[in-house]
Amino acid sequence: MNPWIVLCSANQDKLKELRRLMKGLGVRVVSVADLDRPLPKVVENGRTFAENAAKKARIYSRLSDHLTIADDSGLCVRALNGRPGVYSARFAGPGCTYDDNNRKLLSLLEGKPLKSRGATFISTIAVYQKGRKIKIIKGAVDGTITEKAMGRHGFGFDPVFVPKGSRVTFAQMSSAAKNKTSHRGLALREVRKFLESYFKKTAGKHRP
């Protein structure tokens, strides 16, 4: 049987990205929602993406018995002193939608010229096994915030972010094109390289 990787999130968009990027690795990728036991909700109260990712991976890896991956990602806008940062998913308040967050961001940047709309998308991924840190990997992409949302693909702030060197937002790209250049795609490709080596060294130790 193939090793399992548990994603410390019930976010189906993140799960789909992880499965695409791990395809062919010979692993079964599941989310915490797929496990046959109730798991507690982890409060993401860290000051950095790395702190939040590590906390989730550490706690869930102690409870799931499988290799566990946690991602904490967000958008850091220079004109907003790095906001929304670790609060990206709830930027517009509790229960907000992706559209709510995008509208708030565009409102705060309204009237600002292109040179003042610089931002960085960051993804930090923590890999843990039975409460022990295996690896922390970061991916980052610079770009600019548009004046209006564009595109129907992706999720989160994808419709308002144009990566450096591109003329279109992440939401205007296909999944394949986005994964080649996105912060999470960069981080997960490094995770995949690491896991290829890790599974070879620990063959038979990560079976369900």
N, C-alpha and C. Protein backbone atom coordinates (compact mmCIF):
# COMPACT_ATOMS: atom_id res chain seq x y z
N MET A 1 0.83 -1.20 0.00
CA MET A 1 0.00 0.00 0.00
C MET A 1 0.87 1.26 0.00
N ASN A 2 0.35 2.33 -0.58
CA ASN A 2 1.10 3.57 -0.67
C ASN A 2 1.08 4.33 0.65
N PRO A 3 2.14 5.10 0.92
CA PRO A 3 2.13 5.96 2.11
C PRO A 3 0.99 6.98 2.01
N TRP A 4 0.55 7.44 3.16
CA TRP A 4 -0.46 8.48 3.21
C TRP A 4 0.21 9.82 3.52
N ILE A 5 -0.35 10.87 2.96
CA ILE A 5 -0.02 12.23 3.35
C ILE A 5 -1.32 12.89 3.77
N VAL A 6 -1.35 13.41 4.98
CA VAL A 6 -2.54 14.08 5.48
C VAL A 6 -2.34 15.59 5.40
N LEU A 7 -3.23 16.25 4.69
CA LEU A 7 -3.21 17.71 4.61
C LEU A 7 -3.99 18.27 5.79
N CYS A 8 -3.37 19.14 6.55
CA CYS A 8 -4.01 19.70 7.75
C CYS A 8 -4.98 20.81 7.38
N SER A 9 -5.93 20.49 6.55
CA SER A 9 -6.93 21.47 6.14
C SER A 9 -8.10 20.73 5.51
N ALA A 10 -9.28 21.32 5.65
CA ALA A 10 -10.45 20.78 4.97
C ALA A 10 -10.76 21.59 3.71
N ASN A 11 -9.86 22.53 3.38
CA ASN A 11 -10.02 23.38 2.19
C ASN A 11 -9.84 22.53 0.94
N GLN A 12 -10.93 22.33 0.20
CA GLN A 12 -10.89 21.46 -0.97
C GLN A 12 -10.03 22.03 -2.10
N ASP A 13 -9.91 23.35 -2.17
CA ASP A 13 -9.06 23.96 -3.20
C ASP A 13 -7.59 23.61 -2.95
N LYS A 14 -7.17 23.70 -1.69
CA LYS A 14 -5.78 23.34 -1.36
C LYS A 14 -5.54 21.85 -1.56
N LEU A 15 -6.55 21.03 -1.23
CA LEU A 15 -6.42 19.58 -1.39
C LEU A 15 -6.24 19.22 -2.87
N LYS A 16 -6.99 19.86 -3.74
CA LYS A 16 -6.87 19.60 -5.18
C LYS A 16 -5.49 19.98 -5.68
N GLU A 17 -4.97 21.12 -5.23
CA GLU A 17 -3.63 21.54 -5.65
C GLU A 17 -2.58 20.55 -5.18
N LEU A 18 -2.70 20.11 -3.93
CA LEU A 18 -1.72 19.17 -3.40
C LEU A 18 -1.77 17.85 -4.16
N ARG A 19 -2.95 17.36 -4.46
CA ARG A 19 -3.08 16.10 -5.20
C ARG A 19 -2.49 16.21 -6.61
N ARG A 20 -2.71 17.35 -7.26
CA ARG A 20 -2.14 17.54 -8.60
C ARG A 20 -0.62 17.53 -8.54
N LEU A 21 -0.06 18.21 -7.56
CA LEU A 21 1.39 18.34 -7.49
C LEU A 21 2.08 17.09 -6.93
N MET A 22 1.33 16.20 -6.29
CA MET A 22 1.90 14.96 -5.78
C MET A 22 1.60 13.77 -6.70
N LYS A 23 0.93 14.03 -7.81
CA LYS A 23 0.56 12.97 -8.74
C LYS A 23 1.81 12.24 -9.25
N GLY A 24 1.75 10.91 -9.22
CA GLY A 24 2.87 10.11 -9.68
C GLY A 24 3.90 9.81 -8.62
N LEU A 25 3.73 10.38 -7.42
CA LEU A 25 4.69 10.15 -6.34
C LEU A 25 4.44 8.82 -5.64
N GLY A 26 3.25 8.24 -5.86
CA GLY A 26 2.94 6.97 -5.22
C GLY A 26 2.47 7.11 -3.79
N VAL A 27 1.74 8.22 -3.52
CA VAL A 27 1.21 8.46 -2.19
C VAL A 27 -0.30 8.69 -2.28
N ARG A 28 -0.98 8.45 -1.17
CA ARG A 28 -2.40 8.77 -1.09
C ARG A 28 -2.54 10.06 -0.31
N VAL A 29 -3.11 11.08 -0.93
CA VAL A 29 -3.26 12.38 -0.30
C VAL A 29 -4.69 12.54 0.20
N VAL A 30 -4.84 12.79 1.51
CA VAL A 30 -6.16 12.98 2.11
C VAL A 30 -6.13 14.24 2.96
N SER A 31 -7.31 14.73 3.30
CA SER A 31 -7.39 15.87 4.21
C SER A 31 -7.81 15.38 5.59
N VAL A 32 -7.74 16.24 6.57
CA VAL A 32 -8.16 15.85 7.92
C VAL A 32 -9.64 15.45 7.94
N ALA A 33 -10.41 15.98 7.00
CA ALA A 33 -11.83 15.65 6.93
C ALA A 33 -12.06 14.21 6.47
N ASP A 34 -11.06 13.59 5.85
CA ASP A 34 -11.19 12.23 5.34
C ASP A 34 -10.84 11.16 6.37
N LEU A 35 -10.26 11.57 7.48
CA LEU A 35 -9.85 10.59 8.49
C LEU A 35 -11.06 10.07 9.26
N ASP A 36 -10.91 8.86 9.81
CA ASP A 36 -12.03 8.20 10.47
C ASP A 36 -12.10 8.51 11.96
N ARG A 37 -11.56 9.66 12.33
CA ARG A 37 -11.63 10.05 13.74
C ARG A 37 -11.80 11.56 13.81
N PRO A 38 -12.52 12.06 14.81
CA PRO A 38 -12.68 13.51 14.94
C PRO A 38 -11.38 14.16 15.40
N LEU A 39 -11.02 15.23 14.75
CA LEU A 39 -9.80 15.93 15.12
C LEU A 39 -10.15 17.36 15.56
N PRO A 40 -9.46 17.88 16.55
CA PRO A 40 -9.77 19.22 17.05
C PRO A 40 -9.40 20.30 16.04
N LYS A 41 -10.08 21.42 16.12
CA LYS A 41 -9.74 22.57 15.29
C LYS A 41 -8.53 23.26 15.91
N VAL A 42 -7.53 23.52 15.11
CA VAL A 42 -6.33 24.18 15.61
C VAL A 42 -6.46 25.69 15.41
N VAL A 43 -6.28 26.44 16.49
CA VAL A 43 -6.34 27.89 16.43
C VAL A 43 -5.03 28.43 15.85
N GLU A 44 -5.13 29.11 14.73
CA GLU A 44 -3.95 29.65 14.06
C GLU A 44 -3.63 31.03 14.63
N ASN A 45 -2.90 31.06 15.73
CA ASN A 45 -2.60 32.32 16.41
C ASN A 45 -1.13 32.68 16.36
N GLY A 46 -0.40 32.09 15.43
CA GLY A 46 1.02 32.40 15.28
C GLY A 46 1.23 33.77 14.65
N ARG A 47 2.41 34.32 14.85
CA ARG A 47 2.73 35.63 14.28
C ARG A 47 3.28 35.53 12.86
N THR A 48 3.65 34.31 12.46
CA THR A 48 4.20 34.10 11.13
C THR A 48 3.54 32.91 10.45
N PHE A 49 3.70 32.81 9.15
CA PHE A 49 3.17 31.66 8.41
C PHE A 49 3.83 30.38 8.91
N ALA A 50 5.12 30.44 9.19
CA ALA A 50 5.85 29.25 9.65
C ALA A 50 5.31 28.76 10.99
N GLU A 51 5.03 29.69 11.90
CA GLU A 51 4.50 29.30 13.21
C GLU A 51 3.15 28.60 13.07
N ASN A 52 2.28 29.14 12.24
CA ASN A 52 0.96 28.54 12.06
C ASN A 52 1.04 27.17 11.39
N ALA A 53 1.87 27.07 10.34
CA ALA A 53 2.00 25.79 9.63
C ALA A 53 2.57 24.72 10.55
N ALA A 54 3.59 25.08 11.31
CA ALA A 54 4.23 24.12 12.21
C ALA A 54 3.27 23.67 13.31
N LYS A 55 2.50 24.58 13.84
CA LYS A 55 1.55 24.24 14.91
C LYS A 55 0.53 23.23 14.41
N LYS A 56 -0.05 23.50 13.23
CA LYS A 56 -1.06 22.58 12.68
C LYS A 56 -0.46 21.21 12.40
N ALA A 57 0.70 21.20 11.75
CA ALA A 57 1.32 19.92 11.38
C ALA A 57 1.71 19.12 12.62
N ARG A 58 2.23 19.80 13.62
CA ARG A 58 2.66 19.12 14.84
C ARG A 58 1.48 18.47 15.56
N ILE A 59 0.40 19.22 15.74
CA ILE A 59 -0.76 18.71 16.47
C ILE A 59 -1.44 17.57 15.72
N TYR A 60 -1.68 17.76 14.42
CA TYR A 60 -2.39 16.72 13.66
C TYR A 60 -1.52 15.49 13.44
N SER A 61 -0.22 15.67 13.34
CA SER A 61 0.63 14.49 13.13
C SER A 61 0.65 13.59 14.36
N ARG A 62 0.43 14.16 15.52
CA ARG A 62 0.36 13.35 16.74
C ARG A 62 -0.95 12.55 16.82
N LEU A 63 -1.95 13.00 16.08
CA LEU A 63 -3.27 12.38 16.16
C LEU A 63 -3.61 11.49 14.97
N SER A 64 -2.93 11.68 13.84
CA SER A 64 -3.32 10.97 12.62
C SER A 64 -2.47 9.73 12.32
N ASP A 65 -1.27 9.62 12.91
CA ASP A 65 -0.37 8.49 12.68
C ASP A 65 0.22 8.45 11.27
N HIS A 66 0.05 9.51 10.49
CA HIS A 66 0.59 9.56 9.13
C HIS A 66 1.49 10.78 8.96
N LEU A 67 2.27 10.76 7.91
CA LEU A 67 3.04 11.94 7.56
C LEU A 67 2.06 13.07 7.28
N THR A 68 2.32 14.21 7.88
CA THR A 68 1.35 15.29 7.87
C THR A 68 1.95 16.56 7.29
N ILE A 69 1.16 17.21 6.41
CA ILE A 69 1.59 18.46 5.79
C ILE A 69 0.61 19.56 6.14
N ALA A 70 1.15 20.68 6.58
CA ALA A 70 0.32 21.86 6.85
C ALA A 70 0.88 23.05 6.08
N ASP A 71 -0.01 23.80 5.50
CA ASP A 71 0.37 24.98 4.74
C ASP A 71 -0.27 26.22 5.37
N ASP A 72 0.50 27.26 5.49
CA ASP A 72 -0.09 28.55 5.83
C ASP A 72 0.40 29.54 4.79
N SER A 73 -0.54 30.14 4.11
CA SER A 73 -0.22 31.01 3.00
C SER A 73 -0.94 32.34 3.15
N GLY A 74 -0.41 33.33 2.49
CA GLY A 74 -1.09 34.62 2.52
C GLY A 74 -0.44 35.64 1.64
N LEU A 75 -1.09 36.78 1.58
CA LEU A 75 -0.66 37.89 0.74
C LEU A 75 -0.14 39.02 1.62
N CYS A 76 1.04 39.50 1.32
CA CYS A 76 1.64 40.60 2.07
C CYS A 76 1.76 41.81 1.14
N VAL A 77 1.00 42.84 1.41
CA VAL A 77 0.96 44.03 0.55
C VAL A 77 1.81 45.12 1.18
N ARG A 78 2.77 45.62 0.43
CA ARG A 78 3.71 46.57 1.00
C ARG A 78 3.05 47.88 1.44
N ALA A 79 2.10 48.37 0.67
CA ALA A 79 1.41 49.62 1.03
C ALA A 79 0.56 49.48 2.29
N LEU A 80 0.28 48.25 2.67
CA LEU A 80 -0.52 47.99 3.87
C LEU A 80 0.35 47.45 5.00
N ASN A 81 1.65 47.73 4.92
CA ASN A 81 2.59 47.28 5.94
C ASN A 81 2.57 45.76 6.16
N GLY A 82 2.43 45.02 5.05
CA GLY A 82 2.47 43.56 5.13
C GLY A 82 1.13 42.89 5.33
N ARG A 83 0.09 43.68 5.53
CA ARG A 83 -1.24 43.06 5.64
C ARG A 83 -1.71 42.59 4.27
N PRO A 84 -2.63 41.64 4.24
CA PRO A 84 -3.29 40.94 5.35
C PRO A 84 -2.42 39.88 6.03
N GLY A 85 -1.34 39.43 5.40
CA GLY A 85 -0.42 38.50 6.03
C GLY A 85 -1.08 37.24 6.56
N VAL A 86 -0.82 36.91 7.83
CA VAL A 86 -1.36 35.67 8.41
C VAL A 86 -2.88 35.73 8.57
N TYR A 87 -3.46 36.91 8.36
CA TYR A 87 -4.92 37.05 8.47
C TYR A 87 -5.59 37.03 7.10
N SER A 88 -4.87 36.57 6.08
CA SER A 88 -5.39 36.62 4.70
C SER A 88 -6.74 35.93 4.54
N ALA A 89 -6.89 34.75 5.14
CA ALA A 89 -8.14 33.98 4.94
C ALA A 89 -9.33 34.66 5.60
N ARG A 90 -9.10 35.47 6.62
CA ARG A 90 -10.19 36.13 7.34
C ARG A 90 -10.02 37.64 7.34
N PHE A 91 -9.46 38.17 6.29
CA PHE A 91 -9.14 39.59 6.18
C PHE A 91 -10.38 40.47 6.34
N ALA A 92 -11.48 40.04 5.75
CA ALA A 92 -12.71 40.85 5.80
C ALA A 92 -13.60 40.50 7.00
N GLY A 93 -13.10 39.64 7.89
CA GLY A 93 -13.86 39.31 9.09
C GLY A 93 -14.30 37.86 9.13
N PRO A 94 -14.80 37.41 10.28
CA PRO A 94 -15.24 36.02 10.44
C PRO A 94 -16.31 35.64 9.41
N GLY A 95 -16.17 34.46 8.84
CA GLY A 95 -17.16 33.97 7.87
C GLY A 95 -17.10 34.64 6.51
N CYS A 96 -16.04 35.40 6.25
CA CYS A 96 -15.95 36.11 4.97
C CYS A 96 -15.66 35.15 3.82
N THR A 97 -15.98 35.59 2.63
CA THR A 97 -15.73 34.80 1.42
C THR A 97 -14.48 35.34 0.71
N TYR A 98 -14.04 34.60 -0.31
CA TYR A 98 -12.93 35.09 -1.11
C TYR A 98 -13.25 36.47 -1.70
N ASP A 99 -14.47 36.62 -2.20
CA ASP A 99 -14.87 37.90 -2.81
C ASP A 99 -14.86 39.03 -1.78
N ASP A 100 -15.29 38.73 -0.56
CA ASP A 100 -15.27 39.75 0.50
C ASP A 100 -13.84 40.25 0.73
N ASN A 101 -12.91 39.31 0.80
CA ASN A 101 -11.51 39.69 1.03
C ASN A 101 -10.95 40.52 -0.12
N ASN A 102 -11.28 40.12 -1.33
CA ASN A 102 -10.78 40.86 -2.49
C ASN A 102 -11.36 42.27 -2.55
N ARG A 103 -12.64 42.40 -2.24
CA ARG A 103 -13.26 43.73 -2.25
C ARG A 103 -12.62 44.64 -1.20
N LYS A 104 -12.36 44.10 -0.02
CA LYS A 104 -11.74 44.91 1.02
C LYS A 104 -10.34 45.35 0.60
N LEU A 105 -9.57 44.43 0.03
CA LEU A 105 -8.22 44.76 -0.40
C LEU A 105 -8.22 45.85 -1.46
N LEU A 106 -9.06 45.70 -2.46
CA LEU A 106 -9.13 46.68 -3.54
C LEU A 106 -9.60 48.04 -3.03
N SER A 107 -10.49 48.02 -2.05
CA SER A 107 -10.98 49.27 -1.46
C SER A 107 -9.85 50.01 -0.74
N LEU A 108 -9.03 49.27 -0.01
CA LEU A 108 -7.93 49.88 0.74
C LEU A 108 -6.85 50.44 -0.19
N LEU A 109 -6.74 49.87 -1.38
CA LEU A 109 -5.71 50.32 -2.33
C LEU A 109 -6.28 51.26 -3.40
N GLU A 110 -7.53 51.60 -3.28
CA GLU A 110 -8.18 52.43 -4.30
C GLU A 110 -7.43 53.75 -4.51
N GLY A 111 -7.15 54.05 -5.77
CA GLY A 111 -6.47 55.29 -6.11
C GLY A 111 -4.96 55.24 -6.06
N LYS A 112 -4.40 54.15 -5.54
CA LYS A 112 -2.94 54.05 -5.46
C LYS A 112 -2.37 53.65 -6.82
N PRO A 113 -1.25 54.27 -7.22
CA PRO A 113 -0.64 53.96 -8.52
C PRO A 113 -0.01 52.57 -8.52
N LEU A 114 0.31 52.08 -9.71
CA LEU A 114 0.87 50.75 -9.87
C LEU A 114 2.11 50.54 -9.01
N LYS A 115 2.97 51.55 -8.93
CA LYS A 115 4.22 51.41 -8.18
C LYS A 115 3.99 51.22 -6.69
N SER A 116 2.79 51.55 -6.23
CA SER A 116 2.46 51.41 -4.82
C SER A 116 1.58 50.20 -4.54
N ARG A 117 1.46 49.31 -5.51
CA ARG A 117 0.58 48.15 -5.36
C ARG A 117 1.37 46.84 -5.31
N GLY A 118 2.64 46.92 -4.94
CA GLY A 118 3.48 45.73 -4.86
C GLY A 118 3.05 44.81 -3.72
N ALA A 119 3.19 43.52 -3.96
CA ALA A 119 2.79 42.53 -2.95
C ALA A 119 3.59 41.25 -3.15
N THR A 120 3.59 40.43 -2.12
CA THR A 120 4.25 39.13 -2.19
C THR A 120 3.31 38.06 -1.67
N PHE A 121 3.12 37.02 -2.44
CA PHE A 121 2.36 35.85 -2.01
C PHE A 121 3.36 34.87 -1.38
N ILE A 122 3.06 34.42 -0.18
CA ILE A 122 3.96 33.52 0.55
C ILE A 122 3.24 32.24 0.96
N SER A 123 3.92 31.13 0.80
CA SER A 123 3.40 29.84 1.27
C SER A 123 4.50 29.15 2.08
N THR A 124 4.18 28.80 3.31
CA THR A 124 5.11 28.04 4.14
C THR A 124 4.49 26.70 4.47
N ILE A 125 5.22 25.63 4.19
CA ILE A 125 4.71 24.27 4.37
C ILE A 125 5.55 23.54 5.41
N ALA A 126 4.86 22.97 6.38
CA ALA A 126 5.53 22.20 7.43
C ALA A 126 5.20 20.72 7.25
N VAL A 127 6.22 19.88 7.31
CA VAL A 127 6.05 18.43 7.21
C VAL A 127 6.44 17.82 8.56
N TYR A 128 5.49 17.10 9.17
CA TYR A 128 5.72 16.51 10.49
C TYR A 128 5.35 15.03 10.48
N GLN A 129 5.95 14.29 11.40
CA GLN A 129 5.64 12.86 11.59
C GLN A 129 5.62 12.59 13.09
N LYS A 130 4.45 12.21 13.60
CA LYS A 130 4.29 11.88 15.02
C LYS A 130 4.83 12.97 15.94
N GLY A 131 4.49 14.22 15.62
CA GLY A 131 4.86 15.35 16.44
C GLY A 131 6.27 15.86 16.23
N ARG A 132 7.01 15.24 15.31
CA ARG A 132 8.40 15.62 15.07
C ARG A 132 8.54 16.36 13.75
N LYS A 133 9.23 17.49 13.79
CA LYS A 133 9.44 18.27 12.57
C LYS A 133 10.34 17.52 11.61
N ILE A 134 9.88 17.38 10.37
CA ILE A 134 10.67 16.74 9.32
C ILE A 134 11.30 17.80 8.41
N LYS A 135 10.47 18.79 8.03
CA LYS A 135 10.96 19.80 7.09
C LYS A 135 10.03 21.02 7.09
N ILE A 136 10.61 22.21 6.92
CA ILE A 136 9.86 23.44 6.71
C ILE A 136 10.33 24.03 5.39
N ILE A 137 9.40 24.30 4.49
CA ILE A 137 9.75 24.80 3.16
C ILE A 137 8.90 26.03 2.84
N LYS A 138 9.52 27.02 2.22
CA LYS A 138 8.83 28.28 1.90
C LYS A 138 8.89 28.56 0.40
N GLY A 139 7.78 29.08 -0.12
CA GLY A 139 7.75 29.55 -1.50
C GLY A 139 7.21 30.97 -1.51
N ALA A 140 7.77 31.84 -2.33
CA ALA A 140 7.33 33.24 -2.38
C ALA A 140 7.37 33.76 -3.81
N VAL A 141 6.37 34.58 -4.15
CA VAL A 141 6.29 35.17 -5.48
C VAL A 141 5.92 36.64 -5.35
N ASP A 142 6.70 37.50 -5.97
CA ASP A 142 6.40 38.93 -5.98
C ASP A 142 5.44 39.25 -7.12
N GLY A 143 4.71 40.34 -6.96
CA GLY A 143 3.78 40.76 -8.00
C GLY A 143 3.11 42.06 -7.64
N THR A 144 2.01 42.34 -8.31
CA THR A 144 1.26 43.57 -8.06
C THR A 144 -0.23 43.27 -7.90
N ILE A 145 -0.91 44.16 -7.21
CA ILE A 145 -2.35 44.04 -7.02
C ILE A 145 -3.06 44.85 -8.11
N THR A 146 -4.02 44.24 -8.76
CA THR A 146 -4.76 44.90 -9.83
C THR A 146 -5.74 45.92 -9.25
N GLU A 147 -6.39 46.67 -10.14
CA GLU A 147 -7.39 47.64 -9.70
C GLU A 147 -8.79 47.02 -9.64
N LYS A 148 -8.93 45.84 -10.24
CA LYS A 148 -10.20 45.12 -10.17
C LYS A 148 -9.93 43.63 -10.30
N ALA A 149 -10.86 42.83 -9.81
CA ALA A 149 -10.71 41.38 -9.87
C ALA A 149 -10.86 40.91 -11.31
N MET A 150 -9.99 39.97 -11.74
CA MET A 150 -10.03 39.45 -13.10
C MET A 150 -9.74 37.95 -13.09
N GLY A 151 -10.57 37.20 -13.80
CA GLY A 151 -10.37 35.76 -13.92
C GLY A 151 -11.31 34.97 -13.03
N ARG A 152 -11.56 33.72 -13.44
CA ARG A 152 -12.50 32.86 -12.72
C ARG A 152 -11.88 31.59 -12.16
N HIS A 153 -10.58 31.42 -12.36
CA HIS A 153 -9.92 30.22 -11.85
C HIS A 153 -9.30 30.52 -10.49
N GLY A 154 -8.73 29.48 -9.88
CA GLY A 154 -8.04 29.67 -8.62
C GLY A 154 -8.96 29.98 -7.46
N PHE A 155 -8.39 30.59 -6.43
CA PHE A 155 -9.18 30.93 -5.24
C PHE A 155 -8.43 31.98 -4.44
N GLY A 156 -9.01 32.43 -3.35
CA GLY A 156 -8.36 33.43 -2.52
C GLY A 156 -8.15 34.74 -3.25
N PHE A 157 -6.94 35.27 -3.15
CA PHE A 157 -6.62 36.55 -3.79
C PHE A 157 -6.15 36.39 -5.23
N ASP A 158 -6.29 35.21 -5.80
CA ASP A 158 -5.83 34.96 -7.17
C ASP A 158 -6.37 35.97 -8.20
N PRO A 159 -7.65 36.42 -8.10
CA PRO A 159 -8.17 37.34 -9.12
C PRO A 159 -7.58 38.74 -9.09
N VAL A 160 -6.84 39.09 -8.03
CA VAL A 160 -6.32 40.46 -7.94
C VAL A 160 -4.79 40.50 -7.91
N PHE A 161 -4.14 39.36 -8.13
CA PHE A 161 -2.68 39.30 -8.06
C PHE A 161 -2.08 38.92 -9.40
N VAL A 162 -1.21 39.78 -9.92
CA VAL A 162 -0.46 39.51 -11.14
C VAL A 162 0.99 39.23 -10.76
N PRO A 163 1.47 38.00 -10.96
CA PRO A 163 2.86 37.70 -10.59
C PRO A 163 3.85 38.43 -11.49
N LYS A 164 5.02 38.72 -10.95
CA LYS A 164 6.06 39.42 -11.70
C LYS A 164 6.39 38.67 -12.98
N GLY A 165 6.45 39.41 -14.08
CA GLY A 165 6.76 38.79 -15.37
C GLY A 165 5.54 38.34 -16.14
N SER A 166 4.35 38.49 -15.54
CA SER A 166 3.12 38.07 -16.21
C SER A 166 2.24 39.29 -16.47
N ARG A 167 1.29 39.11 -17.37
CA ARG A 167 0.33 40.17 -17.66
C ARG A 167 -1.07 39.79 -17.20
N VAL A 168 -1.21 38.61 -16.62
CA VAL A 168 -2.53 38.15 -16.19
C VAL A 168 -2.47 37.73 -14.72
N THR A 169 -3.63 37.72 -14.09
CA THR A 169 -3.71 37.30 -12.70
C THR A 169 -3.63 35.78 -12.60
N PHE A 170 -3.39 35.28 -11.38
CA PHE A 170 -3.41 33.84 -11.17
C PHE A 170 -4.77 33.26 -11.57
N ALA A 171 -5.84 34.02 -11.35
CA ALA A 171 -7.19 33.52 -11.66
C ALA A 171 -7.47 33.47 -13.15
N GLN A 172 -6.64 34.11 -13.96
CA GLN A 172 -6.79 34.05 -15.41
C GLN A 172 -5.96 32.94 -16.02
N MET A 173 -5.15 32.28 -15.20
CA MET A 173 -4.30 31.19 -15.67
C MET A 173 -5.00 29.85 -15.51
N SER A 174 -4.57 28.87 -16.29
CA SER A 174 -5.01 27.50 -16.06
C SER A 174 -4.35 27.00 -14.79
N SER A 175 -4.86 25.91 -14.24
CA SER A 175 -4.28 25.34 -13.03
C SER A 175 -2.82 24.97 -13.25
N ALA A 176 -2.52 24.41 -14.43
CA ALA A 176 -1.16 24.00 -14.73
C ALA A 176 -0.22 25.20 -14.79
N ALA A 177 -0.67 26.28 -15.43
CA ALA A 177 0.15 27.48 -15.55
C ALA A 177 0.37 28.12 -14.18
N LYS A 178 -0.68 28.18 -13.39
CA LYS A 178 -0.55 28.77 -12.05
C LYS A 178 0.43 27.97 -11.19
N ASN A 179 0.31 26.64 -11.22
CA ASN A 179 1.17 25.80 -10.38
C ASN A 179 2.65 25.94 -10.73
N LYS A 180 2.94 26.36 -11.96
CA LYS A 180 4.34 26.53 -12.37
C LYS A 180 4.96 27.77 -11.75
N THR A 181 4.12 28.75 -11.40
CA THR A 181 4.66 30.03 -10.95
C THR A 181 4.20 30.46 -9.56
N SER A 182 3.20 29.80 -9.00
CA SER A 182 2.63 30.27 -7.74
C SER A 182 3.53 29.96 -6.54
N HIS A 183 3.30 30.70 -5.48
CA HIS A 183 4.02 30.51 -4.22
C HIS A 183 3.84 29.10 -3.68
N ARG A 184 2.59 28.61 -3.71
CA ARG A 184 2.32 27.27 -3.20
C ARG A 184 2.88 26.21 -4.13
N GLY A 185 2.81 26.47 -5.43
CA GLY A 185 3.37 25.54 -6.40
C GLY A 185 4.87 25.40 -6.21
N LEU A 186 5.57 26.53 -6.01
CA LEU A 186 7.01 26.49 -5.78
C LEU A 186 7.34 25.70 -4.51
N ALA A 187 6.59 25.97 -3.44
CA ALA A 187 6.85 25.29 -2.17
C ALA A 187 6.56 23.80 -2.28
N LEU A 188 5.44 23.45 -2.91
CA LEU A 188 5.06 22.04 -3.00
C LEU A 188 5.99 21.24 -3.91
N ARG A 189 6.55 21.88 -4.94
CA ARG A 189 7.52 21.17 -5.77
C ARG A 189 8.77 20.84 -4.96
N GLU A 190 9.16 21.76 -4.07
CA GLU A 190 10.29 21.47 -3.19
C GLU A 190 9.93 20.38 -2.19
N VAL A 191 8.69 20.40 -1.71
CA VAL A 191 8.22 19.35 -0.80
C VAL A 191 8.25 18.00 -1.51
N ARG A 192 7.81 17.98 -2.75
CA ARG A 192 7.80 16.73 -3.51
C ARG A 192 9.22 16.17 -3.67
N LYS A 193 10.17 17.05 -4.03
CA LYS A 193 11.56 16.60 -4.16
C LYS A 193 12.06 16.00 -2.85
N PHE A 194 11.74 16.69 -1.77
CA PHE A 194 12.17 16.21 -0.46
C PHE A 194 11.54 14.86 -0.15
N LEU A 195 10.22 14.72 -0.41
CA LEU A 195 9.52 13.48 -0.08
C LEU A 195 10.00 12.30 -0.92
N GLU A 196 10.36 12.56 -2.17
CA GLU A 196 10.88 11.48 -3.01
C GLU A 196 12.09 10.84 -2.34
N SER A 197 12.96 11.68 -1.83
CA SER A 197 14.15 11.18 -1.14
C SER A 197 13.79 10.59 0.22
N TYR A 198 12.88 11.25 0.91
CA TYR A 198 12.51 10.82 2.27
C TYR A 198 11.88 9.43 2.27
N PHE A 199 10.97 9.20 1.33
CA PHE A 199 10.30 7.90 1.27
C PHE A 199 11.27 6.78 0.90
N LYS A 200 12.26 7.08 0.08
CA LYS A 200 13.25 6.08 -0.27
C LYS A 200 14.06 5.67 0.96
N LYS A 201 14.39 6.65 1.78
CA LYS A 201 15.19 6.39 2.98
C LYS A 201 14.40 5.70 4.07
N THR A 202 13.07 5.91 4.06
CA THR A 202 12.25 5.38 5.16
C THR A 202 11.21 4.40 4.62
N ALA A 203 11.54 3.68 3.57
CA ALA A 203 10.60 2.76 2.94
C ALA A 203 10.01 1.80 3.98
N GLY A 204 8.66 1.70 3.95
CA GLY A 204 7.96 0.77 4.84
C GLY A 204 7.59 1.35 6.18
N LYS A 205 8.06 2.57 6.49
CA LYS A 205 7.78 3.13 7.81
C LYS A 205 6.57 4.06 7.84
N HIS A 206 5.99 4.34 6.67
CA HIS A 206 4.90 5.29 6.61
C HIS A 206 3.68 4.70 5.95
N ARG A 207 3.40 3.45 6.23
CA ARG A 207 2.23 2.78 5.67
C ARG A 207 1.01 3.00 6.59
N PRO A 208 -0.18 3.07 6.00
CA PRO A 208 -1.37 3.24 6.83
C PRO A 208 -1.65 2.02 7.67
